[in-house]
């Protein structure tokens, strides 16, 4: 251990002649510990909520969606579908046809986003796990059925236990709109609600799932679809997902738009990242304010140790070594508080994961606040706090003991 660090350790734990210096140093360390722990806990909470939103969206969204670059629909190529099915990492490639439609149900009227899905989607969809009333069924024999978001169902008075059918309307693309009889230019299909699902507020308030054949009948299409939705195997690594996505882009070219999960909800994911970054910056600002206690305690310590500084100079110590000693003294206070804060933060996150100490208010899908610990957050927190502490310690040391030649 070099001499400046030994002296800094001695000053850190030795009793000072003025007790206020010890008190300020202790307050500084505790403050840095609280700030560090807060960063760990709050960033983990944001990770938990982000994961909760992503998991909810994964019920209705695919890993990759293939849409036409121009127009709303296209006819899928059989060779492309076989290629997708054989692509390593791909679990399913489902055909969907979606459009905004007008719906009537038991005297209620509304507009919903209707999504027609094929049998593969029906068999593999995670929406089945989000059913809160009724069952996930899109057909009963020859009778078309639908599953509806709870928000839209509440607005329309839809109940899967009732025998009332919902009627879906859409303008007939082969007919001109008649001013005298607008209803004559509309196509319609009847479908019976079989279940209600709950995923996210936006989805629950607008989405209705029906069979692909029902949707084609309503829109007047034969083989057309809106998109191919690709789902990867569970547990597939991020690198393999990126390779599969790149292969899909190369295969389909510029005639199609390929979107991954982030691009499908770019605004939402950017908003979550921005909120996390904003909270991080706010907490870092708080840590900076707390760190100025170190400025005060270090300034007072250097005033108290003027005799020691003179003695060190008499023994041949250069000002650079003396300055480094006090910088290390201030930095050790930061590192001590940071280490304690990391331990406390990790313990709090673990306790929340293990025991669910803090409950979610209201009626939510989860009983406890979700927390997910990511080591990237721990690393960024540790580096940020350490750098702040070092800079704050450097300021008074440089002012009190300027560099040689200045």
Protein backbone atom coordinates (compact mmCIF):
# COMPACT_ATOMS: atom_id res chain seq x y z
CA UNK A 1 0.00 0.00 0.00
CA UNK A 2 1.53 3.33 -1.02
CA UNK A 3 2.12 6.06 1.57
CA UNK A 4 -0.74 8.47 0.59
CA UNK A 5 -3.27 5.63 0.92
CA UNK A 6 -1.87 4.60 4.32
CA UNK A 7 -2.13 8.16 5.61
CA UNK A 8 -5.66 8.49 4.14
CA UNK A 9 -6.75 5.33 5.98
CA UNK A 10 -5.22 6.72 9.17
CA UNK A 11 -7.10 10.00 8.83
CA UNK A 12 -10.34 8.20 7.94
CA UNK A 13 -10.58 6.12 11.11
CA UNK A 14 -8.56 8.23 13.55
CA UNK A 15 -10.37 10.47 16.03
CA UNK A 16 -10.16 14.14 15.07
CA UNK A 17 -9.62 16.99 17.49
CA UNK A 18 -12.85 18.57 16.30
CA UNK A 19 -15.67 16.03 16.65
CA UNK A 20 -17.76 17.84 14.02
CA UNK A 21 -15.41 16.53 11.32
CA UNK A 22 -16.17 12.95 12.33
CA UNK A 23 -19.89 13.72 12.35
CA UNK A 24 -19.83 15.31 8.89
CA UNK A 25 -17.75 12.42 7.52
CA UNK A 26 -20.21 9.91 8.98
CA UNK A 27 -23.16 11.84 7.55
CA UNK A 28 -21.43 11.91 4.16
CA UNK A 29 -20.85 8.14 4.17
CA UNK A 30 -24.43 7.45 5.28
CA UNK A 31 -25.77 9.84 2.65
CA UNK A 32 -23.77 8.15 -0.10
CA UNK A 33 -25.01 4.77 1.16
CA UNK A 34 -28.65 5.93 1.07
CA UNK A 35 -28.23 7.41 -2.42
CA UNK A 36 -26.55 4.27 -3.74
CA UNK A 37 -29.18 1.98 -2.21
CA UNK A 38 -31.95 4.15 -3.67
CA UNK A 39 -30.41 3.89 -7.13
CA UNK A 40 -30.20 0.09 -6.89
CA UNK A 41 -33.75 -0.33 -5.59
CA UNK A 42 -35.53 2.16 -7.87
CA UNK A 43 -33.74 1.01 -11.03
CA UNK A 44 -34.67 -2.58 -10.10
CA UNK A 45 -38.31 -1.52 -9.71
CA UNK A 46 -38.23 0.07 -13.16
CA UNK A 47 -36.74 -3.14 -14.55
CA UNK A 48 -39.58 -5.07 -12.93
CA UNK A 49 -42.30 -2.89 -14.41
CA UNK A 50 -40.62 -2.92 -17.84
CA UNK A 51 -40.49 -6.71 -17.73
CA UNK A 52 -44.13 -6.84 -16.63
CA UNK A 53 -45.19 -4.68 -19.58
CA UNK A 54 -43.03 -6.69 -22.01
CA UNK A 55 -44.44 -9.99 -20.74
CA UNK A 56 -47.99 -8.67 -21.08
CA UNK A 57 -47.36 -7.46 -24.63
CA UNK A 58 -45.76 -10.78 -25.55
CA UNK A 59 -49.19 -12.37 -25.15
CA UNK A 60 -50.49 -10.48 -28.14
CA UNK A 61 -47.35 -9.46 -30.00
CA UNK A 62 -44.96 -11.60 -32.00
CA UNK A 63 -41.17 -11.49 -31.94
CA UNK A 64 -41.10 -10.44 -35.60
CA UNK A 65 -43.92 -9.24 -37.83
CA UNK A 66 -43.77 -9.22 -41.64
CA UNK A 67 -46.01 -6.64 -43.34
CA UNK A 68 -46.22 -5.36 -46.92
CA UNK A 69 -44.24 -2.18 -47.58
CA UNK A 70 -47.11 -0.82 -49.65
CA UNK A 71 -50.79 -1.55 -49.25
CA UNK A 72 -52.58 -3.25 -46.40
CA UNK A 73 -52.63 -6.88 -47.51
CA UNK A 74 -50.65 -9.44 -49.47
CA UNK A 75 -50.94 -13.08 -50.47
CA UNK A 76 -48.31 -15.18 -48.66
CA UNK A 77 -45.95 -17.29 -50.73
CA UNK A 78 -46.02 -21.00 -49.85
CA UNK A 79 -42.24 -21.31 -50.31
CA UNK A 80 -41.65 -18.41 -47.92
CA UNK A 81 -43.85 -20.03 -45.30
CA UNK A 82 -42.00 -23.34 -45.59
CA UNK A 83 -38.69 -21.48 -45.33
CA UNK A 84 -39.87 -19.69 -42.18
CA UNK A 85 -41.04 -22.94 -40.61
CA UNK A 86 -37.60 -24.48 -41.21
CA UNK A 87 -35.64 -21.43 -39.99
CA UNK A 88 -33.65 -22.32 -36.83
CA UNK A 89 -35.23 -20.82 -33.72
CA UNK A 90 -38.68 -20.20 -35.24
CA UNK A 91 -41.54 -21.82 -33.35
CA UNK A 92 -44.44 -20.60 -35.48
CA UNK A 93 -45.32 -18.36 -38.42
CA UNK A 94 -48.98 -17.34 -38.16
CA UNK A 95 -51.20 -15.58 -40.69
CA UNK A 96 -53.26 -12.64 -39.44
CA UNK A 97 -55.71 -10.24 -41.04
CA UNK A 98 -56.66 -7.16 -39.06
CA UNK A 99 -58.71 -4.02 -39.51
CA UNK A 100 -60.75 -1.49 -37.54
CA UNK A 101 -64.43 -2.48 -37.68
CA UNK A 102 -67.79 -1.25 -36.42
CA UNK A 103 -69.50 -3.53 -33.91
CA UNK A 104 -73.04 -3.72 -32.55
CA UNK A 105 -74.02 -5.82 -29.55
CA UNK A 106 -77.34 -5.83 -27.72
CA UNK A 107 -78.10 -2.22 -28.59
CA UNK A 108 -74.55 -0.98 -28.01
CA UNK A 109 -72.33 0.39 -30.78
CA UNK A 110 -68.55 0.74 -30.91
CA UNK A 111 -65.39 0.61 -33.01
CA UNK A 112 -62.79 -2.08 -32.32
CA UNK A 113 -59.59 -3.43 -33.80
CA UNK A 114 -60.56 -6.87 -35.09
CA UNK A 115 -57.78 -9.39 -35.65
CA UNK A 116 -58.39 -12.54 -37.60
CA UNK A 117 -55.95 -15.35 -36.77
CA UNK A 118 -55.26 -18.81 -38.18
CA UNK A 119 -55.50 -22.14 -36.36
CA UNK A 120 -51.77 -22.14 -35.53
CA UNK A 121 -52.11 -18.81 -33.74
CA UNK A 122 -55.17 -20.10 -31.95
CA UNK A 123 -53.27 -23.19 -30.77
CA UNK A 124 -50.07 -21.44 -29.64
CA UNK A 125 -51.21 -17.98 -28.51
CA UNK A 126 -50.38 -16.90 -24.97
CA UNK A 127 -53.68 -14.99 -24.88
CA UNK A 128 -55.17 -18.26 -23.63
CA UNK A 129 -53.39 -17.63 -20.31
CA UNK A 130 -54.89 -14.11 -20.05
CA UNK A 131 -58.55 -15.19 -20.17
CA UNK A 132 -60.43 -13.80 -17.15
CA UNK A 133 -63.96 -14.91 -18.06
CA UNK A 134 -65.22 -17.65 -20.35
CA UNK A 135 -62.79 -19.61 -22.53
CA UNK A 136 -60.37 -19.06 -25.40
CA UNK A 137 -62.36 -20.39 -28.35
CA UNK A 138 -62.75 -18.88 -31.82
CA UNK A 139 -65.21 -21.44 -33.15
CA UNK A 140 -67.69 -23.99 -31.86
CA UNK A 141 -68.34 -26.31 -34.76
CA UNK A 142 -69.46 -24.05 -37.59
CA UNK A 143 -70.38 -21.22 -35.22
CA UNK A 144 -67.82 -18.36 -35.29
CA UNK A 145 -66.74 -17.11 -31.89
CA UNK A 146 -64.57 -14.28 -30.59
CA UNK A 147 -62.54 -13.36 -27.53
CA UNK A 148 -62.76 -9.74 -26.47
CA UNK A 149 -60.70 -7.36 -24.30
CA UNK A 150 -62.32 -6.71 -20.93
CA UNK A 151 -62.30 -2.93 -21.42
CA UNK A 152 -64.19 -3.10 -24.71
CA UNK A 153 -66.50 -5.79 -23.31
CA UNK A 154 -67.40 -3.56 -20.37
CA UNK A 155 -68.14 -0.62 -22.69
CA UNK A 156 -70.32 -2.76 -24.97
CA UNK A 157 -71.96 -4.85 -22.25
CA UNK A 158 -70.50 -8.07 -23.71
CA UNK A 159 -70.83 -11.18 -21.57
CA UNK A 160 -69.62 -14.61 -22.81
CA UNK A 161 -72.47 -16.25 -20.85
CA UNK A 162 -75.12 -14.47 -22.93
CA UNK A 163 -76.46 -15.92 -26.17
CA UNK A 164 -76.40 -12.52 -27.92
CA UNK A 165 -74.19 -12.31 -31.02
CA UNK A 166 -71.89 -9.42 -31.86
CA UNK A 167 -72.22 -8.13 -35.42
CA UNK A 168 -69.11 -6.80 -37.17
CA UNK A 169 -69.48 -4.33 -40.05
CA UNK A 170 -67.01 -3.13 -42.68
CA UNK A 171 -67.48 -1.23 -45.99
CA UNK A 172 -67.73 -3.51 -49.01
CA UNK A 173 -64.71 -2.75 -51.21
CA UNK A 174 -66.65 -3.82 -54.31
CA UNK A 175 -69.58 -1.45 -53.76
CA UNK A 176 -69.95 2.28 -53.79
CA UNK A 177 -71.32 3.95 -50.68
CA UNK A 178 -75.02 4.68 -51.12
CA UNK A 179 -76.14 7.97 -49.57
CA UNK A 180 -79.77 6.88 -49.45
CA UNK A 181 -79.00 3.45 -47.94
CA UNK A 182 -75.50 3.32 -46.40
CA UNK A 183 -76.15 -0.09 -44.82
CA UNK A 184 -76.37 -1.64 -48.29
CA UNK A 185 -72.69 -0.91 -48.88
CA UNK A 186 -71.55 -2.70 -45.72
CA UNK A 187 -70.47 -6.29 -45.26
CA UNK A 188 -71.27 -7.94 -41.94
CA UNK A 189 -70.63 -11.13 -39.99
CA UNK A 190 -72.00 -12.40 -36.70
CA UNK A 191 -69.76 -13.86 -34.01
CA UNK A 192 -70.53 -15.06 -30.51
CA UNK A 193 -68.25 -13.90 -27.65
CA UNK A 194 -66.69 -16.90 -25.89
CA UNK A 195 -64.23 -15.23 -23.51
CA UNK A 196 -62.73 -12.03 -22.17
CA UNK A 197 -59.00 -11.38 -21.83
CA UNK A 198 -56.94 -8.83 -19.91
CA UNK A 199 -53.46 -7.86 -21.18
CA UNK A 200 -52.85 -4.09 -21.17
CA UNK A 201 -55.28 -1.17 -20.93
CA UNK A 202 -54.91 -0.15 -24.59
CA UNK A 203 -55.31 -3.71 -25.82
CA UNK A 204 -58.22 -4.48 -23.50
CA UNK A 205 -60.09 -1.38 -24.68
CA UNK A 206 -59.88 -2.06 -28.41
CA UNK A 207 -59.00 -5.62 -29.45
CA UNK A 208 -61.25 -8.48 -30.51
CA UNK A 209 -59.88 -11.79 -31.83
CA UNK A 210 -61.76 -13.84 -34.44
CA UNK A 211 -60.88 -16.60 -36.86
CA UNK A 212 -59.04 -15.73 -40.05
CA UNK A 213 -61.91 -17.08 -42.18
CA UNK A 214 -64.40 -14.88 -40.36
CA UNK A 215 -62.25 -11.83 -40.96
CA UNK A 216 -61.77 -12.65 -44.65
CA UNK A 217 -65.52 -13.01 -45.06
CA UNK A 218 -66.04 -9.60 -43.46
CA UNK A 219 -63.38 -7.81 -45.54
CA UNK A 220 -64.14 -9.64 -48.78
CA UNK A 221 -60.75 -11.34 -49.21
CA UNK A 222 -59.91 -14.84 -50.36
CA UNK A 223 -56.26 -15.57 -49.50
CA UNK A 224 -54.98 -12.15 -48.45
CA UNK A 225 -53.49 -11.45 -45.04
CA UNK A 226 -52.22 -8.32 -43.26
CA UNK A 227 -49.09 -9.85 -41.80
CA UNK A 228 -47.10 -12.93 -40.91
CA UNK A 229 -46.34 -13.06 -37.20
CA UNK A 230 -43.18 -14.96 -36.24
CA UNK A 231 -42.60 -16.34 -32.76
CA UNK A 232 -39.25 -17.68 -31.65
CA UNK A 233 -38.73 -20.68 -29.43
CA UNK A 234 -38.82 -19.97 -25.72
CA UNK A 235 -35.34 -19.54 -24.29
CA UNK A 236 -33.75 -18.58 -27.61
CA UNK A 237 -30.78 -16.26 -27.00
CA UNK A 238 -30.71 -12.64 -28.12
CA UNK A 239 -27.86 -13.33 -30.54
CA UNK A 240 -29.81 -16.16 -32.23
CA UNK A 241 -32.88 -13.91 -32.41
CA UNK A 242 -30.89 -11.20 -34.17
CA UNK A 243 -29.45 -13.72 -36.63
CA UNK A 244 -32.93 -15.08 -37.40
CA UNK A 245 -34.28 -11.54 -37.85
CA UNK A 246 -31.44 -10.69 -40.24
CA UNK A 247 -32.14 -13.84 -42.24
CA UNK A 248 -35.81 -12.89 -42.51
CA UNK A 249 -34.91 -9.39 -43.71
CA UNK A 250 -32.60 -10.81 -46.38
CA UNK A 251 -35.21 -13.34 -47.51
CA UNK A 252 -38.15 -10.93 -47.86
CA UNK A 253 -36.25 -7.85 -49.07
CA UNK A 254 -37.58 -4.32 -49.49
CA UNK A 255 -41.04 -5.41 -50.60
CA UNK A 256 -41.88 -6.11 -46.97
CA UNK A 257 -41.47 -4.25 -43.70
CA UNK A 258 -39.89 -6.36 -40.96
CA UNK A 259 -40.45 -5.21 -37.38
CA UNK A 260 -39.05 -6.74 -34.21
CA UNK A 261 -40.82 -6.43 -30.86
CA UNK A 262 -39.18 -3.09 -30.05
CA UNK A 263 -40.13 -1.58 -33.42
CA UNK A 264 -43.74 -2.72 -33.02
CA UNK A 265 -44.03 -0.57 -29.87
CA UNK A 266 -41.17 1.84 -30.37
CA UNK A 267 -42.90 4.74 -28.60
CA UNK A 268 -43.76 2.68 -25.52
CA UNK A 269 -40.29 1.17 -25.12
CA UNK A 270 -38.59 4.54 -25.70
CA UNK A 271 -40.86 6.10 -23.09
CA UNK A 272 -39.94 3.42 -20.53
CA UNK A 273 -36.23 3.87 -21.23
CA UNK A 274 -36.54 7.65 -21.02
CA UNK A 275 -38.38 7.45 -17.69
CA UNK A 276 -35.70 5.15 -16.27
CA UNK A 277 -32.94 7.47 -17.49
CA UNK A 278 -34.75 10.50 -16.00
CA UNK A 279 -35.08 8.82 -12.60
CA UNK A 280 -31.42 7.80 -12.74
CA UNK A 281 -30.35 11.40 -13.46
CA UNK A 282 -32.55 12.76 -10.66
CA UNK A 283 -31.06 10.32 -8.15
CA UNK A 284 -27.53 11.07 -9.39
CA UNK A 285 -28.23 14.77 -8.80
CA UNK A 286 -29.29 13.92 -5.25
CA UNK A 287 -26.06 11.95 -4.80
CA UNK A 288 -24.07 14.97 -6.02
CA UNK A 289 -25.77 17.18 -3.43
CA UNK A 290 -25.04 14.63 -0.71
CA UNK A 291 -21.43 14.40 -1.88
CA UNK A 292 -20.86 18.08 -1.07
CA UNK A 293 -20.79 17.02 2.60
CA UNK A 294 -17.49 15.37 1.67
CA UNK A 295 -16.32 18.74 0.35
CA UNK A 296 -17.03 20.31 3.73
CA UNK A 297 -15.51 17.55 5.86
CA UNK A 298 -12.38 17.38 3.68
CA UNK A 299 -11.90 21.16 3.79
CA UNK A 300 -12.14 21.14 7.59
CA UNK A 301 -9.78 18.16 7.81
CA UNK A 302 -7.13 19.95 5.75
CA UNK A 303 -7.41 23.02 7.99
CA UNK A 304 -6.97 20.80 11.05
CA UNK A 305 -3.99 18.95 9.55
CA UNK A 306 -1.92 22.00 8.64
CA UNK A 307 0.80 20.95 11.10
CA UNK A 308 0.87 17.45 9.56
CA UNK A 309 1.15 18.99 6.11
CA UNK A 310 4.09 21.11 7.27
CA UNK A 311 5.77 18.07 8.79
CA UNK A 312 5.33 16.06 5.59
CA UNK A 313 6.85 18.89 3.56
CA UNK A 314 9.79 19.07 5.96
CA UNK A 315 10.35 15.35 5.41
CA UNK A 316 10.54 15.93 1.67
CA UNK A 317 6.96 15.11 0.64
CA UNK A 318 5.93 16.90 -2.52
CA UNK A 319 2.64 18.78 -2.74
CA UNK A 320 1.35 16.24 -5.28
CA UNK A 321 1.65 13.43 -2.72
CA UNK A 322 -0.03 15.51 0.00
CA UNK A 323 -2.85 16.47 -2.33
CA UNK A 324 -3.31 12.84 -3.36
CA UNK A 325 -3.54 11.88 0.33
CA UNK A 326 -6.52 14.14 0.96
CA UNK A 327 -8.20 13.20 -2.32
CA UNK A 328 -7.96 9.55 -1.29
CA UNK A 329 -9.33 10.45 2.15
CA UNK A 330 -12.46 11.99 0.59
CA UNK A 331 -12.76 9.20 -1.94
CA UNK A 332 -12.58 6.54 0.78
CA UNK A 333 -15.61 8.13 2.44
CA UNK A 334 -17.46 7.80 -0.87
CA UNK A 335 -16.36 4.21 -1.45
CA UNK A 336 -17.28 3.21 2.11
CA UNK A 337 -20.77 4.67 1.70
CA UNK A 338 -21.11 3.20 -1.79
CA UNK A 339 -20.17 -0.30 -0.61
CA UNK A 340 -22.66 -0.13 2.26
CA UNK A 341 -25.35 1.21 -0.11
CA UNK A 342 -24.78 -1.58 -2.63
CA UNK A 343 -25.09 -4.21 0.10
CA UNK A 344 -28.26 -2.63 1.52
CA UNK A 345 -29.77 -2.17 -1.95
CA UNK A 346 -29.05 -5.78 -2.96
CA UNK A 347 -30.55 -7.07 0.30
CA UNK A 348 -33.70 -4.96 -0.16
CA UNK A 349 -34.17 -6.14 -3.74
CA UNK A 350 -33.64 -9.77 -2.70
CA UNK A 351 -36.09 -9.39 0.20
CA UNK A 352 -38.71 -7.91 -2.13
CA UNK A 353 -38.21 -10.75 -4.64
CA UNK A 354 -38.27 -13.41 -1.94
CA UNK A 355 -40.88 -12.14 0.50
CA UNK A 356 -42.81 -9.39 -1.34
CA UNK A 357 -42.43 -6.87 1.48
CA UNK A 358 -44.11 -3.97 -0.37
CA UNK A 359 -47.54 -4.71 -1.82
CA UNK A 360 -49.04 -3.22 -4.97
CA UNK A 361 -51.95 -0.87 -4.21
CA UNK A 362 -55.26 -1.43 -5.95
CA UNK A 363 -56.28 -4.29 -8.19
CA UNK A 364 -53.24 -5.32 -10.25
CA UNK A 365 -52.14 -8.54 -11.89
CA UNK A 366 -49.31 -8.76 -9.33
CA UNK A 367 -49.65 -8.53 -5.56
CA UNK A 368 -46.13 -7.20 -4.91
CA UNK A 369 -43.99 -4.54 -6.56
CA UNK A 370 -41.95 -6.35 -9.24
CA UNK A 371 -38.18 -5.96 -9.00
CA UNK A 372 -35.49 -7.32 -11.31
CA UNK A 373 -31.80 -6.87 -10.52
CA UNK A 374 -29.52 -6.25 -13.49
CA UNK A 375 -25.78 -6.18 -13.03
CA UNK A 376 -25.43 -3.48 -15.67
CA UNK A 377 -27.39 -1.17 -13.36
CA UNK A 378 -25.18 -2.14 -10.42
CA UNK A 379 -22.05 -1.45 -12.45
CA UNK A 380 -23.31 1.92 -13.73
CA UNK A 381 -24.39 2.92 -10.22
CA UNK A 382 -21.03 1.98 -8.68
CA UNK A 383 -19.03 3.78 -11.38
CA UNK A 384 -21.23 6.90 -11.21
CA UNK A 385 -21.06 7.22 -7.43
CA UNK A 386 -17.31 6.53 -7.38
CA UNK A 387 -16.61 9.16 -10.06
CA UNK A 388 -18.79 11.76 -8.31
CA UNK A 389 -17.02 11.12 -5.01
CA UNK A 390 -13.59 11.39 -6.61
CA UNK A 391 -14.39 14.68 -8.36
CA UNK A 392 -15.91 16.21 -5.22
CA UNK A 393 -12.84 15.15 -3.20
CA UNK A 394 -10.50 16.54 -5.85
CA UNK A 395 -11.94 20.09 -5.76
CA UNK A 396 -10.96 21.14 -2.19
CA UNK A 397 -7.63 19.30 -2.37
CA UNK A 398 -6.61 21.12 -5.56
CA UNK A 399 -7.66 24.49 -4.15
CA UNK A 400 -5.90 24.07 -0.80
CA UNK A 401 -2.77 22.43 -2.24
CA UNK A 402 -2.24 23.70 -5.82
CA UNK A 403 -0.09 21.85 -8.29
CA UNK A 404 3.61 22.64 -8.41
CA UNK A 405 4.37 25.54 -10.67
CA UNK A 406 0.95 27.25 -10.23
